Amino acid sequence: MDERASVQAASTTLRPVLIHISVLLLGVGGLRWGEAAALRPADIDFLRRRVHLQRNAVMVSDRVVVGTLKSHKDRTVALPQFVIDALSVTAVKPMAIGDPDRAADP
């Protein structure tokens, strides 16, 4: 299987999980769509069950632009344990040490 087919297969497999997590973040956590779209693993504090929101993603023409939050102020949102558990499934992936997107140990 070539790399492109491998990425496409992984994308298809993860899609239901990502939709589930999006619903949890938006519905339970009260995040805005752009906040959830711009969320990185480094923004999640698994031990304190919090997400630190400092970016927002918006569509401009045909591309995604990441900028500041709507209020231009960072905010922190507490999440129930079951939402953190769902997030931990996708945040655990090997990344280089020192990478700002590197996931914390859940």
PDB file of N, CA and C in Angstrom:
ATOM      1  N   MET A   1       0.858  -1.180   0.000  1.00  0.00           N
ATOM      2  CA  MET A   1       0.000   0.000   0.000  1.00  0.00           C
ATOM      3  C   MET A   1       0.897   1.234   0.000  1.00  0.00           C
ATOM      4  N   ASP A   2       0.662   2.152  -0.922  1.00  0.00           N
ATOM      5  CA  ASP A   2       1.487   3.356  -0.967  1.00  0.00           C
ATOM      6  C   ASP A   2       1.078   4.323   0.146  1.00  0.00           C
ATOM      7  N   GLU A   3       1.888   5.358   0.343  1.00  0.00           N
ATOM      8  CA  GLU A   3       1.675   6.294   1.445  1.00  0.00           C
ATOM      9  C   GLU A   3       0.332   7.009   1.338  1.00  0.00           C
ATOM     10  N   ARG A   4      -0.043   7.419   0.145  1.00  0.00           N
ATOM     11  CA  ARG A   4      -1.313   8.139  -0.045  1.00  0.00           C
ATOM     12  C   ARG A   4      -2.500   7.261   0.340  1.00  0.00           C
ATOM     13  N   ALA A   5      -2.482   5.997  -0.092  1.00  0.00           N
ATOM     14  CA  ALA A   5      -3.557   5.068   0.243  1.00  0.00           C
ATOM     15  C   ALA A   5      -3.592   4.810   1.738  1.00  0.00           C
ATOM     16  N   SER A   6      -2.432   4.752   2.355  1.00  0.00           N
ATOM     17  CA  SER A   6      -2.347   4.531   3.799  1.00  0.00           C
ATOM     18  C   SER A   6      -2.959   5.694   4.575  1.00  0.00           C
ATOM     19  N   VAL A   7      -2.647   6.924   4.166  1.00  0.00           N
ATOM     20  CA  VAL A   7      -3.203   8.116   4.816  1.00  0.00           C
ATOM     21  C   VAL A   7      -4.711   8.172   4.613  1.00  0.00           C
ATOM     22  N   GLN A   8      -5.166   7.842   3.424  1.00  0.00           N
ATOM     23  CA  GLN A   8      -6.605   7.861   3.134  1.00  0.00           C
ATOM     24  C   GLN A   8      -7.339   6.819   3.979  1.00  0.00           C
ATOM     25  N   ALA A   9      -6.760   5.634   4.132  1.00  0.00           N
ATOM     26  CA  ALA A   9      -7.377   4.585   4.951  1.00  0.00           C
ATOM     27  C   ALA A   9      -7.444   5.017   6.413  1.00  0.00           C
ATOM     28  N   ALA A  10      -6.379   5.634   6.910  1.00  0.00           N
ATOM     29  CA  ALA A  10      -6.369   6.111   8.294  1.00  0.00           C
ATOM     30  C   ALA A  10      -7.402   7.209   8.488  1.00  0.00           C
ATOM     31  N   SER A  11      -7.536   8.094   7.512  1.00  0.00           N
ATOM     32  CA  SER A  11      -8.507   9.173   7.575  1.00  0.00           C
ATOM     33  C   SER A  11      -9.934   8.630   7.648  1.00  0.00           C
ATOM     34  N   THR A  12     -10.221   7.639   6.839  1.00  0.00           N
ATOM     35  CA  THR A  12     -11.548   7.021   6.829  1.00  0.00           C
ATOM     36  C   THR A  12     -11.841   6.342   8.158  1.00  0.00           C
ATOM     37  N   THR A  13     -10.833   5.708   8.736  1.00  0.00           N
ATOM     38  CA  THR A  13     -11.003   5.022  10.016  1.00  0.00           C
ATOM     39  C   THR A  13     -11.227   6.006  11.153  1.00  0.00           C
ATOM     40  N   LEU A  14     -10.516   7.135  11.133  1.00  0.00           N
ATOM     41  CA  LEU A  14     -10.611   8.112  12.220  1.00  0.00           C
ATOM     42  C   LEU A  14     -11.815   9.042  12.115  1.00  0.00           C
ATOM     43  N   ARG A  15     -12.414   9.164  10.948  1.00  0.00           N
ATOM     44  CA  ARG A  15     -13.496  10.129  10.751  1.00  0.00           C
ATOM     45  C   ARG A  15     -14.617  10.005  11.793  1.00  0.00           C
ATOM     46  N   PRO A  16     -15.164   8.817  12.071  1.00  0.00           N
ATOM     47  CA  PRO A  16     -16.231   8.730  13.087  1.00  0.00           C
ATOM     48  C   PRO A  16     -15.749   9.165  14.467  1.00  0.00           C
ATOM     49  N   VAL A  17     -14.508   8.872  14.803  1.00  0.00           N
ATOM     50  CA  VAL A  17     -13.952   9.272  16.100  1.00  0.00           C
ATOM     51  C   VAL A  17     -13.857  10.794  16.170  1.00  0.00           C
ATOM     52  N   LEU A  18     -13.378  11.420  15.118  1.00  0.00           N
ATOM     53  CA  LEU A  18     -13.238  12.872  15.101  1.00  0.00           C
ATOM     54  C   LEU A  18     -14.592  13.576  15.146  1.00  0.00           C
ATOM     55  N   ILE A  19     -15.579  13.019  14.489  1.00  0.00           N
ATOM     56  CA  ILE A  19     -16.927  13.588  14.551  1.00  0.00           C
ATOM     57  C   ILE A  19     -17.465  13.485  15.974  1.00  0.00           C
ATOM     58  N   HIS A  20     -17.263  12.339  16.605  1.00  0.00           N
ATOM     59  CA  HIS A  20     -17.708  12.132  17.992  1.00  0.00           C
ATOM     60  C   HIS A  20     -17.045  13.153  18.921  1.00  0.00           C
ATOM     61  N   ILE A  21     -15.736  13.331  18.781  1.00  0.00           N
ATOM     62  CA  ILE A  21     -15.012  14.278  19.627  1.00  0.00           C
ATOM     63  C   ILE A  21     -15.481  15.709  19.363  1.00  0.00           C
ATOM     64  N   SER A  22     -15.725  16.041  18.115  1.00  0.00           N
ATOM     65  CA  SER A  22     -16.224  17.384  17.783  1.00  0.00           C
ATOM     66  C   SER A  22     -17.559  17.652  18.455  1.00  0.00           C
ATOM     67  N   VAL A  23     -18.456  16.684  18.415  1.00  0.00           N
ATOM     68  CA  VAL A  23     -19.764  16.836  19.061  1.00  0.00           C
ATOM     69  C   VAL A  23     -19.587  17.041  20.566  1.00  0.00           C
ATOM     70  N   LEU A  24     -18.676  16.283  21.182  1.00  0.00           N
ATOM     71  CA  LEU A  24     -18.429  16.435  22.617  1.00  0.00           C
ATOM     72  C   LEU A  24     -17.861  17.813  22.945  1.00  0.00           C
ATOM     73  N   LEU A  25     -16.889  18.267  22.162  1.00  0.00           N
ATOM     74  CA  LEU A  25     -16.280  19.575  22.426  1.00  0.00           C
ATOM     75  C   LEU A  25     -17.280  20.714  22.231  1.00  0.00           C
ATOM     76  N   LEU A  26     -18.081  20.628  21.178  1.00  0.00           N
ATOM     77  CA  LEU A  26     -19.044  21.683  20.891  1.00  0.00           C
ATOM     78  C   LEU A  26     -20.244  21.622  21.836  1.00  0.00           C
ATOM     79  N   GLY A  27     -20.812  20.438  22.002  1.00  0.00           N
ATOM     80  CA  GLY A  27     -22.042  20.291  22.779  1.00  0.00           C
ATOM     81  C   GLY A  27     -21.842  20.270  24.276  1.00  0.00           C
ATOM     82  N   VAL A  28     -20.859  19.537  24.732  1.00  0.00           N
ATOM     83  CA  VAL A  28     -20.626  19.401  26.175  1.00  0.00           C
ATOM     84  C   VAL A  28     -19.691  20.507  26.670  1.00  0.00           C
ATOM     85  N   GLY A  29     -18.616  20.750  25.915  1.00  0.00           N
ATOM     86  CA  GLY A  29     -17.621  21.725  26.345  1.00  0.00           C
ATOM     87  C   GLY A  29     -17.981  23.165  26.038  1.00  0.00           C
ATOM     88  N   GLY A  30     -18.897  23.375  25.106  1.00  0.00           N
ATOM     89  CA  GLY A  30     -19.299  24.727  24.763  1.00  0.00           C
ATOM     90  C   GLY A  30     -18.294  25.474  23.902  1.00  0.00           C
ATOM     91  N   LEU A  31     -17.367  24.747  23.263  1.00  0.00           N
ATOM     92  CA  LEU A  31     -16.400  25.402  22.388  1.00  0.00           C
ATOM     93  C   LEU A  31     -17.086  25.873  21.119  1.00  0.00           C
ATOM     94  N   ARG A  32     -16.568  26.928  20.555  1.00  0.00           N
ATOM     95  CA  ARG A  32     -17.034  27.387  19.251  1.00  0.00           C
ATOM     96  C   ARG A  32     -16.383  26.506  18.185  1.00  0.00           C
ATOM     97  N   TRP A  33     -16.988  26.456  17.003  1.00  0.00           N
ATOM     98  CA  TRP A  33     -16.481  25.599  15.929  1.00  0.00           C
ATOM     99  C   TRP A  33     -15.020  25.909  15.620  1.00  0.00           C
ATOM    100  N   GLY A  34     -14.678  27.167  15.465  1.00  0.00           N
ATOM    101  CA  GLY A  34     -13.314  27.564  15.130  1.00  0.00           C
ATOM    102  C   GLY A  34     -12.320  27.242  16.229  1.00  0.00           C
ATOM    103  N   GLU A  35     -12.751  27.312  17.491  1.00  0.00           N
ATOM    104  CA  GLU A  35     -11.875  26.971  18.616  1.00  0.00           C
ATOM    105  C   GLU A  35     -11.546  25.483  18.593  1.00  0.00           C
ATOM    106  N   ALA A  36     -12.558  24.672  18.341  1.00  0.00           N
ATOM    107  CA  ALA A  36     -12.342  23.222  18.279  1.00  0.00           C
ATOM    108  C   ALA A  36     -11.451  22.858  17.094  1.00  0.00           C
ATOM    109  N   ALA A  37     -11.639  23.536  15.967  1.00  0.00           N
ATOM    110  CA  ALA A  37     -10.850  23.244  14.771  1.00  0.00           C
ATOM    111  C   ALA A  37      -9.384  23.607  14.962  1.00  0.00           C
ATOM    112  N   ALA A  38      -9.092  24.627  15.769  1.00  0.00           N
ATOM    113  CA  ALA A  38      -7.714  25.083  15.968  1.00  0.00           C
ATOM    114  C   ALA A  38      -7.044  24.421  17.176  1.00  0.00           C
ATOM    115  N   LEU A  39      -7.752  23.555  17.878  1.00  0.00           N
ATOM    116  CA  LEU A  39      -7.212  22.916  19.085  1.00  0.00           C
ATOM    117  C   LEU A  39      -6.045  21.999  18.742  1.00  0.00           C
ATOM    118  N   ARG A  40      -4.976  22.079  19.527  1.00  0.00           N
ATOM    119  CA  ARG A  40      -3.803  21.214  19.361  1.00  0.00           C
ATOM    120  C   ARG A  40      -3.629  20.377  20.615  1.00  0.00           C
ATOM    121  N   PRO A  41      -2.958  19.241  20.515  1.00  0.00           N
ATOM    122  CA  PRO A  41      -2.727  18.411  21.716  1.00  0.00           C
ATOM    123  C   PRO A  41      -2.064  19.175  22.854  1.00  0.00           C
ATOM    124  N   ALA A  42      -1.178  20.105  22.543  1.00  0.00           N
ATOM    125  CA  ALA A  42      -0.492  20.879  23.581  1.00  0.00           C
ATOM    126  C   ALA A  42      -1.456  21.781  24.355  1.00  0.00           C
ATOM    127  N   ASP A  43      -2.650  22.035  23.821  1.00  0.00           N
ATOM    128  CA  ASP A  43      -3.643  22.880  24.483  1.00  0.00           C
ATOM    129  C   ASP A  43      -4.456  22.121  25.529  1.00  0.00           C
ATOM    130  N   ILE A  44      -4.272  20.821  25.600  1.00  0.00           N
ATOM    131  CA  ILE A  44      -5.085  19.984  26.488  1.00  0.00           C
ATOM    132  C   ILE A  44      -4.293  19.621  27.736  1.00  0.00           C
ATOM    133  N   ASP A  45      -4.876  19.891  28.904  1.00  0.00           N
ATOM    134  CA  ASP A  45      -4.288  19.484  30.181  1.00  0.00           C
ATOM    135  C   ASP A  45      -5.112  18.292  30.672  1.00  0.00           C
ATOM    136  N   PHE A  46      -4.588  17.095  30.417  1.00  0.00           N
ATOM    137  CA  PHE A  46      -5.329  15.875  30.739  1.00  0.00           C
ATOM    138  C   PHE A  46      -5.509  15.683  32.244  1.00  0.00           C
ATOM    139  N   LEU A  47      -4.531  16.074  33.032  1.00  0.00           N
ATOM    140  CA  LEU A  47      -4.618  15.881  34.482  1.00  0.00           C
ATOM    141  C   LEU A  47      -5.647  16.797  35.130  1.00  0.00           C
ATOM    142  N   ARG A  48      -5.731  18.028  34.671  1.00  0.00           N
ATOM    143  CA  ARG A  48      -6.682  18.992  35.250  1.00  0.00           C
ATOM    144  C   ARG A  48      -8.006  19.036  34.491  1.00  0.00           C
ATOM    145  N   ARG A  49      -8.112  18.239  33.418  1.00  0.00           N
ATOM    146  CA  ARG A  49      -9.318  18.163  32.597  1.00  0.00           C
ATOM    147  C   ARG A  49      -9.716  19.543  32.063  1.00  0.00           C
ATOM    148  N   ARG A  50      -8.746  20.216  31.458  1.00  0.00           N
ATOM    149  CA  ARG A  50      -8.968  21.554  30.925  1.00  0.00           C
ATOM    150  C   ARG A  50      -8.398  21.650  29.509  1.00  0.00           C
ATOM    151  N   VAL A  51      -8.999  22.532  28.704  1.00  0.00           N
ATOM    152  CA  VAL A  51      -8.401  22.907  27.425  1.00  0.00           C
ATOM    153  C   VAL A  51      -8.149  24.409  27.477  1.00  0.00           C
ATOM    154  N   HIS A  52      -6.962  24.783  27.032  1.00  0.00           N
ATOM    155  CA  HIS A  52      -6.590  26.192  26.991  1.00  0.00           C
ATOM    156  C   HIS A  52      -6.789  26.673  25.561  1.00  0.00           C
ATOM    157  N   LEU A  53      -7.713  27.584  25.374  1.00  0.00           N
ATOM    158  CA  LEU A  53      -8.064  28.071  24.041  1.00  0.00           C
ATOM    159  C   LEU A  53      -7.364  29.399  23.783  1.00  0.00           C
ATOM    160  N   GLN A  54      -6.582  29.423  22.703  1.00  0.00           N
ATOM    161  CA  GLN A  54      -5.880  30.652  22.355  1.00  0.00           C
ATOM    162  C   GLN A  54      -5.886  30.931  20.858  1.00  0.00           C
ATOM    163  N   ARG A  55      -6.466  30.008  20.068  1.00  0.00           N
ATOM    164  CA  ARG A  55      -6.527  30.151  18.619  1.00  0.00           C
ATOM    165  C   ARG A  55      -7.930  29.866  18.115  1.00  0.00           C
ATOM    166  N   ASN A  56      -8.207  30.395  16.931  1.00  0.00           N
ATOM    167  CA  ASN A  56      -9.485  30.190  16.270  1.00  0.00           C
ATOM    168  C   ASN A  56      -9.213  29.977  14.777  1.00  0.00           C
ATOM    169  N   ALA A  57      -9.884  29.019  14.180  1.00  0.00           N
ATOM    170  CA  ALA A  57      -9.706  28.756  12.748  1.00  0.00           C
ATOM    171  C   ALA A  57     -10.954  29.219  12.003  1.00  0.00           C
ATOM    172  N   VAL A  58     -10.745  29.938  10.906  1.00  0.00           N
ATOM    173  CA  VAL A  58     -11.855  30.408  10.074  1.00  0.00           C
ATOM    174  C   VAL A  58     -11.529  30.144   8.606  1.00  0.00           C
ATOM    175  N   MET A  59     -12.559  29.984   7.809  1.00  0.00           N
ATOM    176  CA  MET A  59     -12.388  29.826   6.364  1.00  0.00           C
ATOM    177  C   MET A  59     -12.376  31.210   5.722  1.00  0.00           C
ATOM    178  N   VAL A  60     -11.332  31.487   4.950  1.00  0.00           N
ATOM    179  CA  VAL A  60     -11.233  32.720   4.174  1.00  0.00           C
ATOM    180  C   VAL A  60     -11.028  32.281   2.732  1.00  0.00           C
ATOM    181  N   SER A  61     -12.004  32.583   1.905  1.00  0.00           N
ATOM    182  CA  SER A  61     -12.035  32.084   0.527  1.00  0.00           C
ATOM    183  C   SER A  61     -12.011  30.567   0.568  1.00  0.00           C
ATOM    184  N   ASP A  62     -10.947  29.962   0.095  1.00  0.00           N
ATOM    185  CA  ASP A  62     -10.899  28.495   0.061  1.00  0.00           C
ATOM    186  C   ASP A  62      -9.805  27.930   0.963  1.00  0.00           C
ATOM    187  N   ARG A  63      -9.375  28.708   1.966  1.00  0.00           N
ATOM    188  CA  ARG A  63      -8.332  28.205   2.854  1.00  0.00           C
ATOM    189  C   ARG A  63      -8.663  28.504   4.311  1.00  0.00           C
ATOM    190  N   VAL A  64      -8.050  27.743   5.189  1.00  0.00           N
ATOM    191  CA  VAL A  64      -8.252  27.915   6.625  1.00  0.00           C
ATOM    192  C   VAL A  64      -7.181  28.859   7.156  1.00  0.00           C
ATOM    193  N   VAL A  65      -7.624  29.872   7.905  1.00  0.00           N
ATOM    194  CA  VAL A  65      -6.712  30.832   8.520  1.00  0.00           C
ATOM    195  C   VAL A  65      -6.874  30.723  10.030  1.00  0.00           C
ATOM    196  N   VAL A  66      -5.758  30.557  10.724  1.00  0.00           N
ATOM    197  CA  VAL A  66      -5.778  30.460  12.181  1.00  0.00           C
ATOM    198  C   VAL A  66      -5.332  31.796  12.753  1.00  0.00           C
ATOM    199  N   GLY A  67      -6.145  32.319  13.681  1.00  0.00           N
ATOM    200  CA  GLY A  67      -5.844  33.607  14.301  1.00  0.00           C
ATOM    201  C   GLY A  67      -6.250  33.607  15.763  1.00  0.00           C
ATOM    202  N   THR A  68      -6.496  34.785  16.294  1.00  0.00           N
ATOM    203  CA  THR A  68      -6.866  34.914  17.697  1.00  0.00           C
ATOM    204  C   THR A  68      -8.337  34.547  17.905  1.00  0.00           C
ATOM    205  N   LEU A  69      -8.700  34.400  19.147  1.00  0.00           N
ATOM    206  CA  LEU A  69     -10.095  34.104  19.492  1.00  0.00           C
ATOM    207  C   LEU A  69     -10.990  35.297  19.186  1.00  0.00           C
ATOM    208  N   LYS A  70     -12.272  35.035  19.141  1.00  0.00           N
ATOM    209  CA  LYS A  70     -13.267  36.060  18.845  1.00  0.00           C
ATOM    210  C   LYS A  70     -13.144  37.244  19.809  1.00  0.00           C
ATOM    211  N   SER A  71     -12.898  36.943  21.088  1.00  0.00           N
ATOM    212  CA  SER A  71     -12.795  37.986  22.106  1.00  0.00           C
ATOM    213  C   SER A  71     -11.384  38.561  22.213  1.00  0.00           C
ATOM    214  N   HIS A  72     -10.429  37.974  21.484  1.00  0.00           N
ATOM    215  CA  HIS A  72      -9.008  38.355  21.540  1.00  0.00           C
ATOM    216  C   HIS A  72      -8.400  38.094  22.916  1.00  0.00           C
ATOM    217  N   LYS A  73      -9.058  37.261  23.718  1.00  0.00           N
ATOM    218  CA  LYS A  73      -8.551  36.883  25.042  1.00  0.00           C
ATOM    219  C   LYS A  73      -8.541  35.369  25.132  1.00  0.00           C
ATOM    220  N   ASP A  74      -7.432  34.802  25.617  1.00  0.00           N
ATOM    221  CA  ASP A  74      -7.371  33.358  25.846  1.00  0.00           C
ATOM    222  C   ASP A  74      -8.397  32.976  26.898  1.00  0.00           C
ATOM    223  N   ARG A  75      -8.854  31.734  26.837  1.00  0.00           N
ATOM    224  CA  ARG A  75      -9.754  31.242  27.878  1.00  0.00           C
ATOM    225  C   ARG A  75      -9.490  29.771  28.128  1.00  0.00           C
ATOM    226  N   THR A  76      -9.870  29.316  29.297  1.00  0.00           N
ATOM    227  CA  THR A  76      -9.700  27.926  29.682  1.00  0.00           C
ATOM    228  C   THR A  76     -11.065  27.336  29.969  1.00  0.00           C
ATOM    229  N   VAL A  77     -11.298  26.126  29.463  1.00  0.00           N
ATOM    230  CA  VAL A  77     -12.590  25.465  29.635  1.00  0.00           C
ATOM    231  C   VAL A  77     -12.368  24.126  30.336  1.00  0.00           C
ATOM    232  N   ALA A  78     -13.137  23.892  31.393  1.00  0.00           N
ATOM    233  CA  ALA A  78     -13.103  22.604  32.094  1.00  0.00           C
ATOM    234  C   ALA A  78     -13.997  21.618  31.346  1.00  0.00           C
ATOM    235  N   LEU A  79     -13.535  20.368  31.246  1.00  0.00           N
ATOM    236  CA  LEU A  79     -14.298  19.331  30.548  1.00  0.00           C
ATOM    237  C   LEU A  79     -14.515  18.137  31.467  1.00  0.00           C
ATOM    238  N   PRO A  80     -15.639  17.443  31.317  1.00  0.00           N
ATOM    239  CA  PRO A  80     -15.863  16.216  32.089  1.00  0.00           C
ATOM    240  C   PRO A  80     -14.863  15.132  31.676  1.00  0.00           C
ATOM    241  N   GLN A  81     -14.648  14.173  32.550  1.00  0.00           N
ATOM    242  CA  GLN A  81     -13.661  13.124  32.306  1.00  0.00           C
ATOM    243  C   GLN A  81     -13.937  12.342  31.020  1.00  0.00           C
ATOM    244  N   PHE A  82     -15.201  12.084  30.700  1.00  0.00           N
ATOM    245  CA  PHE A  82     -15.479  11.285  29.500  1.00  0.00           C
ATOM    246  C   PHE A  82     -15.083  12.013  28.212  1.00  0.00           C
ATOM    247  N   VAL A  83     -15.089  13.336  28.229  1.00  0.00           N
ATOM    248  CA  VAL A  83     -14.632  14.099  27.061  1.00  0.00           C
ATOM    249  C   VAL A  83     -13.108  14.030  26.974  1.00  0.00           C
ATOM    250  N   ILE A  84     -12.442  14.165  28.110  1.00  0.00           N
ATOM    251  CA  ILE A  84     -10.977  14.049  28.147  1.00  0.00           C
ATOM    252  C   ILE A  84     -10.556  12.661  27.682  1.00  0.00           C
ATOM    253  N   ASP A  85     -11.281  11.637  28.098  1.00  0.00           N
ATOM    254  CA  ASP A  85     -10.961  10.270  27.665  1.00  0.00           C
ATOM    255  C   ASP A  85     -11.064  10.140  26.146  1.00  0.00           C
ATOM    256  N   ALA A  86     -12.099  10.731  25.564  1.00  0.00           N
ATOM    257  CA  ALA A  86     -12.268  10.678  24.110  1.00  0.00           C
ATOM    258  C   ALA A  86     -11.136  11.436  23.410  1.00  0.00           C
ATOM    259  N   LEU A  87     -10.739  12.573  23.954  1.00  0.00           N
ATOM    260  CA  LEU A  87      -9.636  13.346  23.377  1.00  0.00           C
ATOM    261  C   LEU A  87      -8.319  12.583  23.450  1.00  0.00           C
ATOM    262  N   SER A  88      -8.122  11.834  24.515  1.00  0.00           N
ATOM    263  CA  SER A  88      -6.846  11.137  24.702  1.00  0.00           C
ATOM    264  C   SER A  88      -6.619  10.077  23.622  1.00  0.00           C
ATOM    265  N   VAL A  89      -7.687   9.559  23.053  1.00  0.00           N
ATOM    266  CA  VAL A  89      -7.557   8.547  21.998  1.00  0.00           C
ATOM    267  C   VAL A  89      -6.852   9.131  20.778  1.00  0.00           C
ATOM    268  N   THR A  90      -7.146  10.371  20.437  1.00  0.00           N
ATOM    269  CA  THR A  90      -6.549  10.973  19.244  1.00  0.00           C
ATOM    270  C   THR A  90      -5.272  11.738  19.554  1.00  0.00           C
ATOM    271  N   ALA A  91      -5.059  12.120  20.799  1.00  0.00           N
ATOM    272  CA  ALA A  91      -3.880  12.930  21.138  1.00  0.00           C
ATOM    273  C   ALA A  91      -2.633  12.095  21.352  1.00  0.00           C
ATOM    274  N   VAL A  92      -2.779  10.787  21.511  1.00  0.00           N
ATOM    275  CA  VAL A  92      -1.624   9.937  21.753  1.00  0.00           C
ATOM    276  C   VAL A  92      -1.048   9.501  20.421  1.00  0.00           C
ATOM    277  N   LYS A  93      -0.002  10.193  20.006  1.00  0.00           N
ATOM    278  CA  LYS A  93       0.706   9.803  18.806  1.00  0.00           C
ATOM    279  C   LYS A  93       2.144  10.265  18.960  1.00  0.00           C
ATOM    280  N   PRO A  94       3.085   9.503  18.463  1.00  0.00           N
ATOM    281  CA  PRO A  94       4.488   9.873  18.657  1.00  0.00           C
ATOM    282  C   PRO A  94       4.835  11.143  17.891  1.00  0.00           C
ATOM    283  N   MET A  95       5.468  12.066  18.581  1.00  0.00           N
ATOM    284  CA  MET A  95       5.937  13.303  17.966  1.00  0.00           C
ATOM    285  C   MET A  95       7.314  13.611  18.534  1.00  0.00           C
ATOM    286  N   ALA A  96       8.025  14.445  17.871  1.00  0.00           N
ATOM    287  CA  ALA A  96       9.366  14.803  18.314  1.00  0.00           C
ATOM    288  C   ALA A  96       9.303  15.568  19.636  1.00  0.00           C
ATOM    289  N   ILE A  97      10.232  15.277  20.514  1.00  0.00           N
ATOM    290  CA  ILE A  97      10.328  16.014  21.771  1.00  0.00           C
ATOM    291  C   ILE A  97      10.668  17.463  21.435  1.00  0.00           C
ATOM    292  N   GLY A  98       9.984  18.392  22.081  1.00  0.00           N
ATOM    293  CA  GLY A  98      10.196  19.807  21.801  1.00  0.00           C
ATOM    294  C   GLY A  98       9.195  20.364  20.807  1.00  0.00           C
ATOM    295  N   ASP A  99       8.402  19.506  20.173  1.00  0.00           N
ATOM    296  CA  ASP A  99       7.377  19.951  19.233  1.00  0.00           C
ATOM    297  C   ASP A  99       6.239  20.565  20.041  1.00  0.00           C
ATOM    298  N   PRO A 100       5.807  21.819  19.756  1.00  0.00           N
ATOM    299  CA  PRO A 100       4.735  22.428  20.529  1.00  0.00           C
ATOM    300  C   PRO A 100       3.409  21.696  20.405  1.00  0.00           C
ATOM    301  N   ASP A 101       3.246  20.889  19.348  1.00  0.00           N
ATOM    302  CA  ASP A 101       2.019  20.125  19.166  1.00  0.00           C
ATOM    303  C   ASP A 101       2.097  18.760  19.824  1.00  0.00           C
ATOM    304  N   ARG A 102       3.206  18.459  20.465  1.00  0.00           N
ATOM    305  CA  ARG A 102       3.390  17.149  21.078  1.00  0.00           C
ATOM    306  C   ARG A 102       2.368  16.963  22.194  1.00  0.00           C
ATOM    307  N   ALA A 103       1.735  15.819  22.180  1.00  0.00           N
ATOM    308  CA  ALA A 103       0.718  15.534  23.187  1.00  0.00           C
ATOM    309  C   ALA A 103       1.363  15.268  24.530  1.00  0.00           C
ATOM    310  N   ALA A 104       0.705  15.748  25.573  1.00  0.00           N
ATOM    311  CA  ALA A 104       1.122  15.405  26.919  1.00  0.00           C
ATOM    312  C   ALA A 104       0.671  13.979  27.202  1.00  0.00           C
ATOM    313  N   ASP A 105       1.281  13.337  28.161  1.00  0.00           N
ATOM    314  CA  ASP A 105       0.846  11.986  28.508  1.00  0.00           C
ATOM    315  C   ASP A 105      -0.523  12.041  29.141  1.00  0.00           C
ATOM    316  N   PRO A 106      -1.507  11.359  28.562  1.00  0.00           N
ATOM    317  CA  PRO A 106      -2.871  11.411  29.113  1.00  0.00           C
ATOM    318  C   PRO A 106      -2.972  10.633  30.410  1.00  0.00           C
TER     319      PRO A 106
END
